[in-house]
Amino acid sequence: MKQELIGPTATLAAALLSNLEDEHSEFTPAIVANAFEEAYFMLLEGIQRVDSEIARREKL
């Protein structure tokens, strides 16, 4: 895990959890862990997309 992504991942996970608040009155550890995992991989995918786009533009 990239340590520098822990803070942004936690922020994004909190946003994801706030969208689930109506569905769940209590967040179990599994729900929180799933939101954190989803947020982490969303951030990694975004970083990869940006890196790819930067590389593409540098070739132009």
Protein backbone atom coordinates (compact mmCIF):
# COMPACT_ATOMS: atom_id res chain seq x y z
CA MET A 1 0.00 0.00 0.00
CA LYS A 2 1.26 3.43 -0.88
CA GLN A 3 1.46 5.21 2.48
CA GLU A 4 0.95 8.65 0.95
CA LEU A 5 -2.52 7.56 -0.22
CA ILE A 6 -3.85 6.66 3.23
CA GLY A 7 -5.21 10.15 3.96
CA PRO A 8 -6.88 10.68 0.57
CA THR A 9 -8.22 7.12 0.68
CA ALA A 10 -9.77 7.67 4.10
CA THR A 11 -11.40 10.88 2.87
CA LEU A 12 -12.82 9.18 -0.20
CA ALA A 13 -13.96 6.18 1.87
CA ALA A 14 -15.82 8.54 4.22
CA ALA A 15 -17.58 10.07 1.22
CA LEU A 16 -18.53 6.60 -0.04
CA LEU A 17 -19.81 5.66 3.40
CA SER A 18 -21.89 8.82 3.64
CA ASN A 19 -23.71 7.65 0.50
CA LEU A 20 -24.48 4.34 2.24
CA GLU A 21 -25.75 5.97 5.41
CA ASP A 22 -29.39 5.58 4.42
CA GLU A 23 -28.95 1.88 3.72
CA HIS A 24 -27.04 1.03 6.91
CA SER A 25 -27.70 2.45 10.33
CA GLU A 26 -24.50 0.88 11.65
CA PHE A 27 -21.28 0.38 9.76
CA THR A 28 -19.70 -2.96 10.44
CA PRO A 29 -15.93 -3.37 10.14
CA ALA A 30 -16.52 -5.20 6.86
CA ILE A 31 -18.51 -2.30 5.39
CA VAL A 32 -15.80 0.18 6.38
CA ALA A 33 -13.05 -2.09 5.05
CA ASN A 34 -14.86 -2.52 1.73
CA ALA A 35 -15.30 1.24 1.35
CA PHE A 36 -11.61 1.81 2.11
CA GLU A 37 -10.57 -0.87 -0.39
CA GLU A 38 -12.83 0.56 -3.10
CA ALA A 39 -11.53 4.08 -2.47
CA TYR A 40 -7.89 2.95 -2.57
CA PHE A 41 -8.27 1.19 -5.90
CA MET A 42 -10.23 4.12 -7.32
CA LEU A 43 -7.33 6.41 -6.45
CA LEU A 44 -4.77 4.03 -7.93
CA GLU A 45 -6.77 3.80 -11.16
CA GLY A 46 -6.98 7.58 -11.34
CA ILE A 47 -3.24 7.92 -10.82
CA GLN A 48 -2.57 5.37 -13.55
CA ARG A 49 -4.86 7.24 -15.96
CA VAL A 50 -3.10 10.52 -15.27
CA ASP A 51 0.33 8.92 -15.68
CA SER A 52 -0.75 7.37 -18.98
CA GLU A 53 -2.14 10.66 -20.26
CA ILE A 54 1.03 12.52 -19.28
CA ALA A 55 3.14 9.92 -21.09
CA ARG A 56 0.90 10.17 -24.18
CA ARG A 57 1.14 13.95 -24.27
CA GLU A 58 4.91 13.89 -23.88
CA LYS A 59 5.16 11.76 -27.02
CA LEU A 60 3.31 14.38 -29.10
